[in-house]
Amino acid sequence: MFADDVASIADTVCGSQRQLNVLQIFCKDNLLNVNTKETKIVIFRNGARPSSKGKWFYEGNELLIEQSFTYVGITFSSALSLNRMAEDNCVKRKRALNSILASINIFNIYNNSYK
């Protein structure tokens, strides 16, 4: 069985580790696995430097701390900035618009060739 995404939020290192421990027990009880290589920890700090004491573990594996992650299409950055999310959305929208314009051009060429 595969689960898509899980997100958890805590306001302390201990609280976050406690949530990981509960997840570990739940997954073990339900015969589920977590891909720790794809698991991300992001510390939202609003400009402050994170403590070097914060470490998180899942099944004995230390989880890496990332500067940002994307969850359900929205990019969250550790600095709580909306700029990264806006930039990512602009890139996605430009790609979609270019695809639509290319399709319109192909459709017009196709239709004009039969006139």
C-alpha atoms as a PDB file:
ATOM      1  CA  MET A   1       0.000   0.000   0.000  1.00  0.00           C
ATOM      2  CA  PHE A   2       1.270   3.485  -0.849  1.00  0.00           C
ATOM      3  CA  ALA A   3       0.315   6.751   0.827  1.00  0.00           C
ATOM      4  CA  ASP A   4       0.919   9.948  -1.058  1.00  0.00           C
ATOM      5  CA  ASP A   5       1.850  12.670   1.419  1.00  0.00           C
ATOM      6  CA  VAL A   6       1.726  13.319   5.120  1.00  0.00           C
ATOM      7  CA  ALA A   7       2.495  16.631   6.805  1.00  0.00           C
ATOM      8  CA  SER A   8       2.866  17.419  10.468  1.00  0.00           C
ATOM      9  CA  ILE A   9       3.464  20.676  12.298  1.00  0.00           C
ATOM     10  CA  ALA A  10       4.837  21.179  15.799  1.00  0.00           C
ATOM     11  CA  ASP A  11       6.175  24.165  17.693  1.00  0.00           C
ATOM     12  CA  THR A  12       9.037  22.333  19.448  1.00  0.00           C
ATOM     13  CA  VAL A  13      11.725  19.829  18.504  1.00  0.00           C
ATOM     14  CA  CYS A  14      10.348  17.408  21.119  1.00  0.00           C
ATOM     15  CA  GLY A  15       6.800  17.802  19.837  1.00  0.00           C
ATOM     16  CA  SER A  16       7.871  17.125  16.285  1.00  0.00           C
ATOM     17  CA  GLN A  17       9.902  14.054  17.285  1.00  0.00           C
ATOM     18  CA  ARG A  18       6.919  12.807  19.294  1.00  0.00           C
ATOM     19  CA  GLN A  19       4.763  13.046  16.153  1.00  0.00           C
ATOM     20  CA  LEU A  20       7.374  11.092  14.183  1.00  0.00           C
ATOM     21  CA  ASN A  21       7.361   8.414  16.889  1.00  0.00           C
ATOM     22  CA  VAL A  22       3.565   8.139  16.712  1.00  0.00           C
ATOM     23  CA  LEU A  23       3.768   7.893  12.918  1.00  0.00           C
ATOM     24  CA  GLN A  24       6.378   5.151  13.252  1.00  0.00           C
ATOM     25  CA  ILE A  25       4.139   3.126  15.601  1.00  0.00           C
ATOM     26  CA  PHE A  26       1.105   3.644  13.349  1.00  0.00           C
ATOM     27  CA  CYS A  27       3.030   2.538  10.249  1.00  0.00           C
ATOM     28  CA  LYS A  28       4.423  -0.510  12.022  1.00  0.00           C
ATOM     29  CA  ASP A  29       0.965  -1.521  13.284  1.00  0.00           C
ATOM     30  CA  ASN A  30      -0.528  -1.110   9.798  1.00  0.00           C
ATOM     31  CA  LEU A  31       2.361  -2.641   7.835  1.00  0.00           C
ATOM     32  CA  LEU A  32       3.244   0.668   6.148  1.00  0.00           C
ATOM     33  CA  ASN A  33       6.684   2.024   5.314  1.00  0.00           C
ATOM     34  CA  VAL A  34       8.016   5.575   5.202  1.00  0.00           C
ATOM     35  CA  ASN A  35      10.656   6.482   2.643  1.00  0.00           C
ATOM     36  CA  THR A  36      13.049   8.427   4.869  1.00  0.00           C
ATOM     37  CA  LYS A  37      15.038   9.553   1.809  1.00  0.00           C
ATOM     38  CA  GLU A  38      11.973  11.522   0.710  1.00  0.00           C
ATOM     39  CA  THR A  39      11.081  12.743   4.215  1.00  0.00           C
ATOM     40  CA  LYS A  40      11.825  16.429   4.791  1.00  0.00           C
ATOM     41  CA  ILE A  41      12.144  18.533   7.910  1.00  0.00           C
ATOM     42  CA  VAL A  42      11.758  22.296   7.463  1.00  0.00           C
ATOM     43  CA  ILE A  43      12.233  24.674  10.370  1.00  0.00           C
ATOM     44  CA  PHE A  44      10.072  27.767   9.965  1.00  0.00           C
ATOM     45  CA  ARG A  45      12.037  30.500  11.654  1.00  0.00           C
ATOM     46  CA  ASN A  46      10.937  33.839  10.212  1.00  0.00           C
ATOM     47  CA  GLY A  47      14.511  35.102   9.788  1.00  0.00           C
ATOM     48  CA  ALA A  48      16.036  33.634  12.961  1.00  0.00           C
ATOM     49  CA  ARG A  49      18.880  31.099  12.779  1.00  0.00           C
ATOM     50  CA  PRO A  50      17.821  27.540  13.644  1.00  0.00           C
ATOM     51  CA  SER A  51      19.358  25.815  16.634  1.00  0.00           C
ATOM     52  CA  SER A  52      22.025  23.261  15.741  1.00  0.00           C
ATOM     53  CA  LYS A  53      20.615  21.058  18.519  1.00  0.00           C
ATOM     54  CA  GLY A  54      17.508  20.112  16.561  1.00  0.00           C
ATOM     55  CA  LYS A  55      17.759  16.619  15.106  1.00  0.00           C
ATOM     56  CA  TRP A  56      14.957  14.317  14.086  1.00  0.00           C
ATOM     57  CA  PHE A  57      14.965  10.552  13.700  1.00  0.00           C
ATOM     58  CA  TYR A  58      12.685   7.967  12.142  1.00  0.00           C
ATOM     59  CA  GLU A  59      13.473   4.301  12.790  1.00  0.00           C
ATOM     60  CA  GLY A  60      16.966   5.324  13.893  1.00  0.00           C
ATOM     61  CA  ASN A  61      17.671   7.259  10.671  1.00  0.00           C
ATOM     62  CA  GLU A  62      18.448  10.951  11.035  1.00  0.00           C
ATOM     63  CA  LEU A  63      16.199  13.060   8.815  1.00  0.00           C
ATOM     64  CA  LEU A  64      17.728  15.890   6.816  1.00  0.00           C
ATOM     65  CA  ILE A  65      16.755  19.501   7.339  1.00  0.00           C
ATOM     66  CA  GLU A  66      15.747  21.275   4.119  1.00  0.00           C
ATOM     67  CA  GLN A  67      15.292  24.977   3.344  1.00  0.00           C
ATOM     68  CA  SER A  68      12.002  24.420   1.528  1.00  0.00           C
ATOM     69  CA  PHE A  69       9.565  21.762   0.374  1.00  0.00           C
ATOM     70  CA  THR A  70       6.566  21.520  -1.891  1.00  0.00           C
ATOM     71  CA  TYR A  71       3.347  20.090  -0.496  1.00  0.00           C
ATOM     72  CA  VAL A  72       0.229  19.736  -2.675  1.00  0.00           C
ATOM     73  CA  GLY A  73       1.745  22.136  -5.196  1.00  0.00           C
ATOM     74  CA  ILE A  74       2.625  24.885  -2.720  1.00  0.00           C
ATOM     75  CA  THR A  75       6.263  25.675  -1.875  1.00  0.00           C
ATOM     76  CA  PHE A  76       6.957  26.399   1.778  1.00  0.00           C
ATOM     77  CA  SER A  77      10.277  28.026   2.667  1.00  0.00           C
ATOM     78  CA  SER A  78      11.984  28.073   6.053  1.00  0.00           C
ATOM     79  CA  ALA A  79      12.024  31.893   6.024  1.00  0.00           C
ATOM     80  CA  LEU A  80       8.210  31.939   5.762  1.00  0.00           C
ATOM     81  CA  SER A  81       8.519  33.893   2.521  1.00  0.00           C
ATOM     82  CA  LEU A  82       5.777  33.847  -0.075  1.00  0.00           C
ATOM     83  CA  ASN A  83       8.259  34.883  -2.800  1.00  0.00           C
ATOM     84  CA  ARG A  84       9.383  31.317  -3.548  1.00  0.00           C
ATOM     85  CA  MET A  85       5.797  30.115  -3.764  1.00  0.00           C
ATOM     86  CA  ALA A  86       4.893  33.014  -6.095  1.00  0.00           C
ATOM     87  CA  GLU A  87       7.942  32.379  -8.306  1.00  0.00           C
ATOM     88  CA  ASP A  88       7.158  28.662  -8.592  1.00  0.00           C
ATOM     89  CA  ASN A  89       3.534  29.415  -9.450  1.00  0.00           C
ATOM     90  CA  CYS A  90       4.593  31.916 -12.140  1.00  0.00           C
ATOM     91  CA  VAL A  91       6.848  29.330 -13.764  1.00  0.00           C
ATOM     92  CA  LYS A  92       4.046  26.747 -13.763  1.00  0.00           C
ATOM     93  CA  ARG A  93       1.532  29.215 -15.210  1.00  0.00           C
ATOM     94  CA  LYS A  94       3.968  30.305 -17.965  1.00  0.00           C
ATOM     95  CA  ARG A  95       4.515  26.674 -18.961  1.00  0.00           C
ATOM     96  CA  ALA A  96       0.772  26.072 -19.089  1.00  0.00           C
ATOM     97  CA  LEU A  97       0.189  29.234 -21.132  1.00  0.00           C
ATOM     98  CA  ASN A  98       2.967  28.326 -23.592  1.00  0.00           C
ATOM     99  CA  SER A  99       1.441  24.868 -23.988  1.00  0.00           C
ATOM    100  CA  ILE A 100      -1.987  26.353 -24.675  1.00  0.00           C
ATOM    101  CA  LEU A 101      -0.576  28.835 -27.201  1.00  0.00           C
ATOM    102  CA  ALA A 102       1.343  26.066 -28.979  1.00  0.00           C
ATOM    103  CA  SER A 103      -1.847  23.986 -29.163  1.00  0.00           C
ATOM    104  CA  ILE A 104      -3.776  26.938 -30.612  1.00  0.00           C
ATOM    105  CA  ASN A 105      -1.089  27.493 -33.246  1.00  0.00           C
ATOM    106  CA  ILE A 106      -1.103  23.827 -34.239  1.00  0.00           C
ATOM    107  CA  PHE A 107      -4.915  23.837 -34.358  1.00  0.00           C
ATOM    108  CA  ASN A 108      -4.945  26.955 -36.587  1.00  0.00           C
ATOM    109  CA  ILE A 109      -2.333  25.494 -38.944  1.00  0.00           C
ATOM    110  CA  TYR A 110      -4.295  22.231 -39.111  1.00  0.00           C
ATOM    111  CA  ASN A 111      -7.603  24.014 -39.823  1.00  0.00           C
ATOM    112  CA  ASN A 112      -6.099  26.388 -42.408  1.00  0.00           C
ATOM    113  CA  SER A 113      -4.601  23.507 -44.382  1.00  0.00           C
ATOM    114  CA  TYR A 114      -8.105  22.114 -45.081  1.00  0.00           C
ATOM    115  CA  LYS A 115      -9.666  25.351 -46.319  1.00  0.00           C
END
